[in-house]
């Protein structure tokens, strides 16, 4: 979280682990569900509709938000434009956006990789908070992605 103001001012630079499910159908439309340590898959932080186009800088195309909610604010068409070809690491997507609700605001950056990916190519300071204590034990045990974190 950056550019924090209002009730979020004290969270400048804070970050959490996050899980997500992206389900895009053959027609190029689908959903994005995201949950962090304070949410669950059934009560997510983000529930969004999305579309996938062939346009983009890689073979993966570009995912665009079409609607939904990020916590307590609406997501609209084009709030997210996600192009995996623009990320420095393979098998990663970067979702970024702005939260604004009255005087409360922040910018967010969300980095996702497929469940079970070892983040060996990422600098240690950029690893998820619970990478060693939560994520690695689960993937080493070949557990599926859980519906809550921690």
N, C-alpha and C. Protein backbone atom coordinates (compact mmCIF):
# COMPACT_ATOMS: atom_id res chain seq x y z
N UNK A 1 0.85 -1.17 0.00
CA UNK A 1 0.00 0.00 0.00
C UNK A 1 0.89 1.23 0.00
N UNK A 2 0.61 2.12 -0.92
CA UNK A 2 1.35 3.38 -0.99
C UNK A 2 0.35 4.52 -1.19
N UNK A 3 0.81 5.73 -0.96
CA UNK A 3 -0.05 6.89 -1.12
C UNK A 3 -1.24 6.86 -0.18
N UNK A 4 -1.02 6.35 1.03
CA UNK A 4 -2.11 6.16 1.99
C UNK A 4 -2.53 7.49 2.63
N UNK A 5 -3.85 7.67 2.76
CA UNK A 5 -4.36 8.85 3.44
C UNK A 5 -5.61 8.48 4.22
N UNK A 6 -6.03 9.40 5.07
CA UNK A 6 -7.21 9.15 5.89
C UNK A 6 -6.96 8.02 6.87
N UNK A 7 -7.94 7.14 7.01
CA UNK A 7 -7.83 6.02 7.96
C UNK A 7 -6.69 5.06 7.61
N UNK A 8 -6.16 5.15 6.40
CA UNK A 8 -5.09 4.24 5.96
C UNK A 8 -3.70 4.84 6.06
N UNK A 9 -3.58 6.05 6.53
CA UNK A 9 -2.29 6.76 6.57
C UNK A 9 -1.21 5.96 7.30
N UNK A 10 -1.56 5.30 8.40
CA UNK A 10 -0.58 4.54 9.19
C UNK A 10 -0.18 3.23 8.51
N UNK A 11 -0.81 2.87 7.41
CA UNK A 11 -0.49 1.61 6.71
C UNK A 11 0.43 1.81 5.51
N UNK A 12 0.98 3.01 5.37
CA UNK A 12 1.90 3.29 4.26
C UNK A 12 3.01 2.24 4.24
N UNK A 13 3.17 1.59 3.09
CA UNK A 13 4.22 0.58 2.91
C UNK A 13 3.86 -0.80 3.43
N UNK A 14 2.67 -0.96 4.00
CA UNK A 14 2.27 -2.28 4.53
C UNK A 14 1.95 -3.23 3.37
N UNK A 15 2.12 -4.53 3.65
CA UNK A 15 1.75 -5.54 2.66
C UNK A 15 1.40 -6.84 3.35
N UNK A 16 0.57 -7.63 2.66
CA UNK A 16 0.05 -8.88 3.18
C UNK A 16 0.17 -9.95 2.11
N UNK A 17 0.06 -11.19 2.54
CA UNK A 17 -0.04 -12.29 1.60
C UNK A 17 -1.45 -12.32 1.03
N UNK A 18 -1.57 -12.85 -0.16
CA UNK A 18 -2.87 -12.90 -0.82
C UNK A 18 -2.97 -14.16 -1.66
N UNK A 19 -4.15 -14.72 -1.72
CA UNK A 19 -4.46 -15.84 -2.59
C UNK A 19 -5.53 -15.39 -3.57
N UNK A 20 -5.63 -16.10 -4.66
CA UNK A 20 -6.63 -15.72 -5.64
C UNK A 20 -7.03 -16.86 -6.54
N UNK A 21 -8.21 -16.73 -7.10
CA UNK A 21 -8.71 -17.67 -8.09
C UNK A 21 -9.16 -16.85 -9.29
N UNK A 22 -8.57 -17.16 -10.43
CA UNK A 22 -8.95 -16.50 -11.68
C UNK A 22 -9.55 -17.57 -12.57
N UNK A 23 -10.79 -17.36 -12.96
CA UNK A 23 -11.52 -18.34 -13.75
C UNK A 23 -12.07 -17.65 -15.00
N UNK A 24 -11.37 -17.82 -16.10
CA UNK A 24 -11.77 -17.22 -17.37
C UNK A 24 -12.22 -18.35 -18.30
N UNK A 25 -13.42 -18.23 -18.83
CA UNK A 25 -13.97 -19.26 -19.70
C UNK A 25 -13.53 -19.10 -21.15
N UNK A 26 -13.96 -20.03 -21.96
CA UNK A 26 -13.62 -20.04 -23.38
C UNK A 26 -14.12 -18.83 -24.14
N UNK A 27 -15.13 -18.14 -23.58
CA UNK A 27 -15.65 -16.94 -24.23
C UNK A 27 -14.86 -15.69 -23.86
N UNK A 28 -13.79 -15.85 -23.05
CA UNK A 28 -12.96 -14.71 -22.68
C UNK A 28 -13.49 -13.91 -21.51
N UNK A 29 -14.52 -14.38 -20.83
CA UNK A 29 -15.03 -13.68 -19.65
C UNK A 29 -14.97 -14.59 -18.44
N UNK A 30 -14.93 -13.98 -17.27
CA UNK A 30 -14.88 -14.78 -16.06
C UNK A 30 -14.80 -13.94 -14.82
N UNK A 31 -14.21 -14.54 -13.78
CA UNK A 31 -14.17 -13.89 -12.47
C UNK A 31 -12.76 -13.92 -11.88
N UNK A 32 -12.53 -12.97 -11.00
CA UNK A 32 -11.32 -12.89 -10.19
C UNK A 32 -11.77 -12.77 -8.74
N UNK A 33 -11.31 -13.70 -7.90
CA UNK A 33 -11.61 -13.68 -6.47
C UNK A 33 -10.29 -13.61 -5.73
N UNK A 34 -10.14 -12.63 -4.84
CA UNK A 34 -8.89 -12.45 -4.09
C UNK A 34 -9.20 -12.35 -2.60
N UNK A 35 -8.36 -12.99 -1.78
CA UNK A 35 -8.51 -12.89 -0.34
C UNK A 35 -7.14 -12.80 0.30
N UNK A 36 -7.03 -11.97 1.33
CA UNK A 36 -5.77 -11.86 2.07
C UNK A 36 -5.98 -12.44 3.46
N UNK A 37 -5.10 -12.09 4.37
CA UNK A 37 -5.12 -12.67 5.71
C UNK A 37 -6.37 -12.30 6.52
N UNK A 38 -7.08 -11.25 6.10
CA UNK A 38 -8.27 -10.80 6.81
C UNK A 38 -9.57 -11.27 6.15
N UNK A 39 -9.47 -11.99 5.05
CA UNK A 39 -10.64 -12.44 4.29
C UNK A 39 -10.52 -13.93 4.01
N UNK A 40 -11.54 -14.49 3.39
CA UNK A 40 -11.52 -15.89 2.96
C UNK A 40 -12.03 -15.95 1.52
N UNK A 41 -11.89 -17.11 0.93
CA UNK A 41 -12.38 -17.27 -0.44
C UNK A 41 -13.90 -17.07 -0.49
N UNK A 42 -14.61 -17.52 0.54
CA UNK A 42 -16.07 -17.37 0.53
C UNK A 42 -16.51 -15.96 0.92
N UNK A 43 -15.66 -15.21 1.60
CA UNK A 43 -15.92 -13.81 1.93
C UNK A 43 -14.68 -13.02 1.52
N UNK A 44 -14.52 -12.79 0.19
CA UNK A 44 -13.26 -12.26 -0.34
C UNK A 44 -13.09 -10.75 -0.21
N UNK A 45 -11.85 -10.33 -0.37
CA UNK A 45 -11.50 -8.92 -0.43
C UNK A 45 -11.92 -8.35 -1.79
N UNK A 46 -11.81 -9.17 -2.84
CA UNK A 46 -12.16 -8.76 -4.19
C UNK A 46 -13.02 -9.84 -4.83
N UNK A 47 -14.09 -9.40 -5.43
CA UNK A 47 -14.91 -10.27 -6.26
C UNK A 47 -15.19 -9.46 -7.52
N UNK A 48 -14.54 -9.83 -8.62
CA UNK A 48 -14.60 -9.02 -9.83
C UNK A 48 -14.96 -9.86 -11.05
N UNK A 49 -15.61 -9.23 -11.99
CA UNK A 49 -15.77 -9.83 -13.30
C UNK A 49 -14.64 -9.29 -14.17
N UNK A 50 -14.20 -10.11 -15.11
CA UNK A 50 -13.05 -9.73 -15.94
C UNK A 50 -13.22 -10.29 -17.34
N UNK A 51 -12.49 -9.69 -18.26
CA UNK A 51 -12.44 -10.19 -19.63
C UNK A 51 -10.99 -10.40 -20.02
N UNK A 52 -10.77 -11.30 -20.94
CA UNK A 52 -9.42 -11.59 -21.44
C UNK A 52 -9.41 -11.36 -22.93
N UNK A 53 -8.44 -10.59 -23.39
CA UNK A 53 -8.28 -10.34 -24.82
C UNK A 53 -6.94 -10.88 -25.28
N UNK A 54 -6.79 -11.06 -26.57
CA UNK A 54 -5.52 -11.54 -27.13
C UNK A 54 -4.49 -10.44 -27.20
N UNK A 55 -4.90 -9.18 -27.04
CA UNK A 55 -3.97 -8.05 -27.08
C UNK A 55 -3.05 -8.09 -25.88
N UNK A 56 -1.83 -7.61 -26.05
CA UNK A 56 -0.88 -7.55 -24.94
C UNK A 56 0.52 -7.75 -25.45
N UNK A 57 1.46 -7.78 -24.52
CA UNK A 57 2.87 -7.88 -24.87
C UNK A 57 3.40 -9.31 -24.82
N UNK A 58 2.51 -10.28 -24.52
CA UNK A 58 2.94 -11.68 -24.46
C UNK A 58 1.84 -12.57 -25.01
N UNK A 59 2.09 -13.85 -25.04
CA UNK A 59 1.11 -14.81 -25.54
C UNK A 59 -0.11 -14.93 -24.64
N UNK A 60 -0.02 -14.39 -23.42
CA UNK A 60 -1.10 -14.53 -22.45
C UNK A 60 -2.23 -13.52 -22.63
N UNK A 61 -2.02 -12.48 -23.42
CA UNK A 61 -3.04 -11.47 -23.61
C UNK A 61 -3.15 -10.53 -22.43
N UNK A 62 -4.28 -9.86 -22.33
CA UNK A 62 -4.50 -8.86 -21.29
C UNK A 62 -5.84 -9.10 -20.62
N UNK A 63 -5.83 -9.09 -19.29
CA UNK A 63 -7.06 -9.22 -18.51
C UNK A 63 -7.49 -7.82 -18.06
N UNK A 64 -8.79 -7.54 -18.20
CA UNK A 64 -9.34 -6.24 -17.85
C UNK A 64 -10.52 -6.43 -16.90
N UNK A 65 -10.55 -5.62 -15.85
CA UNK A 65 -11.71 -5.66 -14.95
C UNK A 65 -12.93 -5.14 -15.71
N UNK A 66 -14.08 -5.73 -15.39
CA UNK A 66 -15.34 -5.31 -16.01
C UNK A 66 -16.34 -4.82 -14.97
N UNK A 67 -16.15 -5.20 -13.71
CA UNK A 67 -17.07 -4.80 -12.66
C UNK A 67 -16.75 -5.58 -11.40
N UNK A 68 -17.52 -5.34 -10.36
CA UNK A 68 -17.32 -6.06 -9.11
C UNK A 68 -16.99 -5.12 -7.97
N UNK A 69 -16.29 -5.68 -6.96
CA UNK A 69 -15.99 -4.89 -5.76
C UNK A 69 -14.60 -5.19 -5.24
N UNK A 70 -13.92 -4.16 -4.78
CA UNK A 70 -12.67 -4.25 -4.04
C UNK A 70 -13.01 -3.74 -2.65
N UNK A 71 -13.03 -4.62 -1.68
CA UNK A 71 -13.53 -4.36 -0.33
C UNK A 71 -14.90 -3.67 -0.43
N UNK A 72 -14.96 -2.37 -0.11
CA UNK A 72 -16.24 -1.68 -0.07
C UNK A 72 -16.43 -0.66 -1.19
N UNK A 73 -15.63 -0.75 -2.26
CA UNK A 73 -15.81 0.16 -3.39
C UNK A 73 -16.03 -0.65 -4.67
N UNK A 74 -16.68 -0.03 -5.61
CA UNK A 74 -16.97 -0.70 -6.89
C UNK A 74 -15.73 -0.71 -7.78
N UNK A 75 -15.57 -1.82 -8.49
CA UNK A 75 -14.59 -1.90 -9.58
C UNK A 75 -15.37 -1.71 -10.87
N UNK A 76 -14.78 -1.02 -11.81
CA UNK A 76 -15.45 -0.76 -13.07
C UNK A 76 -14.58 -1.23 -14.23
N UNK A 77 -15.15 -1.16 -15.41
CA UNK A 77 -14.41 -1.53 -16.62
C UNK A 77 -13.11 -0.72 -16.70
N UNK A 78 -12.01 -1.42 -16.84
CA UNK A 78 -10.72 -0.77 -17.05
C UNK A 78 -10.01 -0.30 -15.79
N UNK A 79 -10.59 -0.51 -14.61
CA UNK A 79 -9.86 -0.17 -13.38
C UNK A 79 -8.59 -0.99 -13.30
N UNK A 80 -8.64 -2.23 -13.78
CA UNK A 80 -7.46 -3.09 -13.86
C UNK A 80 -7.21 -3.42 -15.32
N UNK A 81 -6.00 -3.24 -15.75
CA UNK A 81 -5.54 -3.72 -17.05
C UNK A 81 -4.26 -4.50 -16.76
N UNK A 82 -4.35 -5.82 -16.86
CA UNK A 82 -3.29 -6.71 -16.40
C UNK A 82 -2.65 -7.40 -17.59
N UNK A 83 -1.38 -7.11 -17.82
CA UNK A 83 -0.62 -7.69 -18.92
C UNK A 83 0.59 -8.43 -18.34
N UNK A 84 0.55 -9.77 -18.28
CA UNK A 84 1.66 -10.52 -17.69
C UNK A 84 3.01 -10.28 -18.38
N UNK A 85 3.00 -9.84 -19.61
CA UNK A 85 4.24 -9.58 -20.31
C UNK A 85 5.00 -8.39 -19.78
N UNK A 86 4.39 -7.59 -18.93
CA UNK A 86 5.04 -6.40 -18.38
C UNK A 86 5.68 -6.64 -17.01
N UNK A 87 5.61 -7.85 -16.50
CA UNK A 87 6.16 -8.18 -15.18
C UNK A 87 7.58 -8.73 -15.33
N UNK A 88 8.43 -8.44 -14.34
CA UNK A 88 9.83 -8.84 -14.41
C UNK A 88 10.07 -10.33 -14.21
N UNK A 89 9.08 -11.06 -13.70
CA UNK A 89 9.25 -12.48 -13.39
C UNK A 89 8.25 -13.31 -14.18
N UNK A 90 8.67 -14.54 -14.54
CA UNK A 90 7.78 -15.45 -15.26
C UNK A 90 6.65 -15.93 -14.38
N UNK A 91 5.56 -16.32 -15.00
CA UNK A 91 4.40 -16.87 -14.28
C UNK A 91 3.93 -15.95 -13.16
N UNK A 92 3.90 -14.66 -13.42
CA UNK A 92 3.44 -13.69 -12.43
C UNK A 92 2.52 -12.69 -13.12
N UNK A 93 1.49 -12.25 -12.38
CA UNK A 93 0.71 -11.12 -12.84
C UNK A 93 0.76 -10.04 -11.77
N UNK A 94 0.58 -8.82 -12.21
CA UNK A 94 0.59 -7.65 -11.32
C UNK A 94 -0.71 -6.90 -11.53
N UNK A 95 -1.50 -6.85 -10.48
CA UNK A 95 -2.74 -6.07 -10.48
C UNK A 95 -2.48 -4.83 -9.65
N UNK A 96 -2.73 -3.67 -10.23
CA UNK A 96 -2.57 -2.45 -9.44
C UNK A 96 -3.78 -1.57 -9.64
N UNK A 97 -4.06 -0.80 -8.61
CA UNK A 97 -5.21 0.08 -8.67
C UNK A 97 -5.22 1.06 -7.53
N UNK A 98 -6.26 1.84 -7.50
CA UNK A 98 -6.41 2.86 -6.47
C UNK A 98 -7.72 2.67 -5.75
N UNK A 99 -7.64 2.76 -4.43
CA UNK A 99 -8.80 2.71 -3.55
C UNK A 99 -9.07 4.13 -3.10
N UNK A 100 -10.31 4.57 -3.23
CA UNK A 100 -10.67 5.89 -2.72
C UNK A 100 -12.11 5.85 -2.25
N UNK A 101 -12.30 6.21 -0.99
CA UNK A 101 -13.63 6.24 -0.40
C UNK A 101 -13.66 7.43 0.57
N UNK A 102 -14.21 8.53 0.10
CA UNK A 102 -14.18 9.76 0.89
C UNK A 102 -12.76 10.24 1.04
N UNK A 103 -12.32 10.51 2.28
CA UNK A 103 -10.95 10.94 2.55
C UNK A 103 -9.97 9.81 2.72
N UNK A 104 -10.44 8.58 2.59
CA UNK A 104 -9.58 7.40 2.73
C UNK A 104 -9.12 6.94 1.36
N UNK A 105 -7.80 6.77 1.21
CA UNK A 105 -7.29 6.39 -0.10
C UNK A 105 -5.95 5.68 0.03
N UNK A 106 -5.64 4.86 -0.97
CA UNK A 106 -4.33 4.24 -1.11
C UNK A 106 -4.19 3.65 -2.50
N UNK A 107 -2.97 3.42 -2.90
CA UNK A 107 -2.65 2.69 -4.13
C UNK A 107 -2.26 1.28 -3.71
N UNK A 108 -2.70 0.28 -4.46
CA UNK A 108 -2.34 -1.10 -4.14
C UNK A 108 -1.67 -1.78 -5.33
N UNK A 109 -0.74 -2.66 -5.01
CA UNK A 109 -0.06 -3.50 -5.97
C UNK A 109 -0.20 -4.94 -5.49
N UNK A 110 -0.77 -5.79 -6.32
CA UNK A 110 -0.99 -7.20 -5.98
C UNK A 110 -0.20 -8.04 -6.98
N UNK A 111 0.65 -8.92 -6.45
CA UNK A 111 1.45 -9.81 -7.29
C UNK A 111 0.99 -11.24 -7.04
N UNK A 112 0.66 -11.95 -8.10
CA UNK A 112 0.18 -13.32 -8.00
C UNK A 112 0.97 -14.24 -8.92
N UNK A 113 1.19 -15.45 -8.41
CA UNK A 113 1.78 -16.52 -9.20
C UNK A 113 0.92 -17.76 -9.00
N UNK A 114 1.01 -18.72 -9.91
CA UNK A 114 0.23 -19.94 -9.72
C UNK A 114 0.61 -20.64 -8.41
N UNK A 115 -0.40 -21.17 -7.73
CA UNK A 115 -0.18 -21.90 -6.48
C UNK A 115 0.83 -23.02 -6.74
N UNK A 116 1.80 -23.14 -5.85
CA UNK A 116 2.81 -24.18 -5.98
C UNK A 116 4.10 -23.70 -6.63
N UNK A 117 4.14 -22.46 -7.08
CA UNK A 117 5.34 -21.90 -7.69
C UNK A 117 6.35 -21.55 -6.60
N UNK A 118 7.57 -22.02 -6.77
CA UNK A 118 8.66 -21.60 -5.88
C UNK A 118 9.17 -20.25 -6.38
N UNK A 119 9.25 -19.29 -5.48
CA UNK A 119 9.65 -17.93 -5.84
C UNK A 119 11.17 -17.77 -5.75
N UNK A 120 11.92 -18.70 -6.28
CA UNK A 120 13.39 -18.70 -6.17
C UNK A 120 14.04 -17.58 -6.98
N UNK A 121 13.33 -17.01 -7.92
CA UNK A 121 13.88 -15.97 -8.77
C UNK A 121 13.62 -14.55 -8.24
N UNK A 122 12.98 -14.46 -7.08
CA UNK A 122 12.60 -13.17 -6.51
C UNK A 122 13.55 -12.83 -5.36
N UNK A 123 13.94 -11.54 -5.27
CA UNK A 123 14.77 -11.10 -4.15
C UNK A 123 14.06 -11.40 -2.83
N UNK A 124 14.83 -11.77 -1.81
CA UNK A 124 14.25 -12.18 -0.53
C UNK A 124 13.32 -11.13 0.06
N UNK A 125 13.66 -9.85 -0.08
CA UNK A 125 12.81 -8.80 0.50
C UNK A 125 11.48 -8.64 -0.25
N UNK A 126 11.35 -9.27 -1.42
CA UNK A 126 10.12 -9.20 -2.20
C UNK A 126 9.25 -10.45 -2.05
N UNK A 127 9.68 -11.40 -1.22
CA UNK A 127 8.88 -12.61 -1.00
C UNK A 127 7.64 -12.29 -0.16
N UNK A 128 6.56 -13.03 -0.36
CA UNK A 128 5.40 -12.84 0.53
C UNK A 128 5.79 -13.01 1.99
N UNK A 129 5.08 -12.32 2.89
CA UNK A 129 5.40 -12.36 4.33
C UNK A 129 5.49 -13.77 4.89
N UNK A 130 4.53 -14.60 4.55
CA UNK A 130 4.45 -15.95 5.12
C UNK A 130 5.03 -17.01 4.19
N UNK A 131 5.91 -16.61 3.29
CA UNK A 131 6.47 -17.54 2.31
C UNK A 131 7.13 -18.75 2.97
N UNK A 132 8.04 -18.52 3.91
CA UNK A 132 8.78 -19.62 4.54
C UNK A 132 7.94 -20.40 5.56
N UNK A 133 7.11 -19.69 6.32
CA UNK A 133 6.41 -20.34 7.43
C UNK A 133 5.05 -20.93 7.07
N UNK A 134 4.44 -20.45 6.01
CA UNK A 134 3.09 -20.93 5.65
C UNK A 134 3.06 -21.53 4.24
N UNK A 135 3.51 -20.76 3.26
CA UNK A 135 3.40 -21.18 1.85
C UNK A 135 4.27 -22.39 1.55
N UNK A 136 5.58 -22.30 1.82
CA UNK A 136 6.47 -23.42 1.49
C UNK A 136 6.05 -24.74 2.14
N UNK A 137 5.72 -24.77 3.43
CA UNK A 137 5.28 -26.05 4.01
C UNK A 137 4.05 -26.63 3.30
N UNK A 138 3.14 -25.78 2.89
CA UNK A 138 1.95 -26.28 2.20
C UNK A 138 2.28 -26.84 0.81
N UNK A 139 3.09 -26.12 0.05
CA UNK A 139 3.38 -26.64 -1.28
C UNK A 139 4.34 -27.82 -1.23
N UNK A 140 5.24 -27.84 -0.25
CA UNK A 140 6.12 -29.01 -0.10
C UNK A 140 5.31 -30.26 0.25
N UNK A 141 4.21 -30.07 0.97
CA UNK A 141 3.32 -31.19 1.32
C UNK A 141 2.30 -31.45 0.21
N UNK A 142 2.42 -30.72 -0.90
CA UNK A 142 1.53 -30.86 -2.06
C UNK A 142 0.06 -30.63 -1.70
N UNK A 143 -0.16 -29.69 -0.79
CA UNK A 143 -1.51 -29.30 -0.39
C UNK A 143 -2.09 -28.34 -1.41
N UNK A 144 -3.39 -28.40 -1.63
CA UNK A 144 -4.03 -27.41 -2.53
C UNK A 144 -4.08 -26.05 -1.87
N UNK A 145 -4.31 -25.02 -2.67
CA UNK A 145 -4.43 -23.67 -2.14
C UNK A 145 -5.60 -23.62 -1.16
N UNK A 146 -5.38 -23.16 0.07
CA UNK A 146 -6.46 -23.11 1.05
C UNK A 146 -7.40 -21.93 0.81
N UNK A 147 -8.55 -22.00 1.43
CA UNK A 147 -9.55 -20.95 1.30
C UNK A 147 -9.36 -19.81 2.29
N UNK A 148 -8.30 -19.90 3.11
CA UNK A 148 -7.94 -18.80 4.01
C UNK A 148 -6.43 -18.86 4.23
N UNK A 149 -5.86 -17.77 4.71
CA UNK A 149 -4.41 -17.66 4.88
C UNK A 149 -4.08 -17.68 6.37
N UNK A 150 -3.04 -18.42 6.72
CA UNK A 150 -2.55 -18.41 8.09
C UNK A 150 -2.94 -19.64 8.87
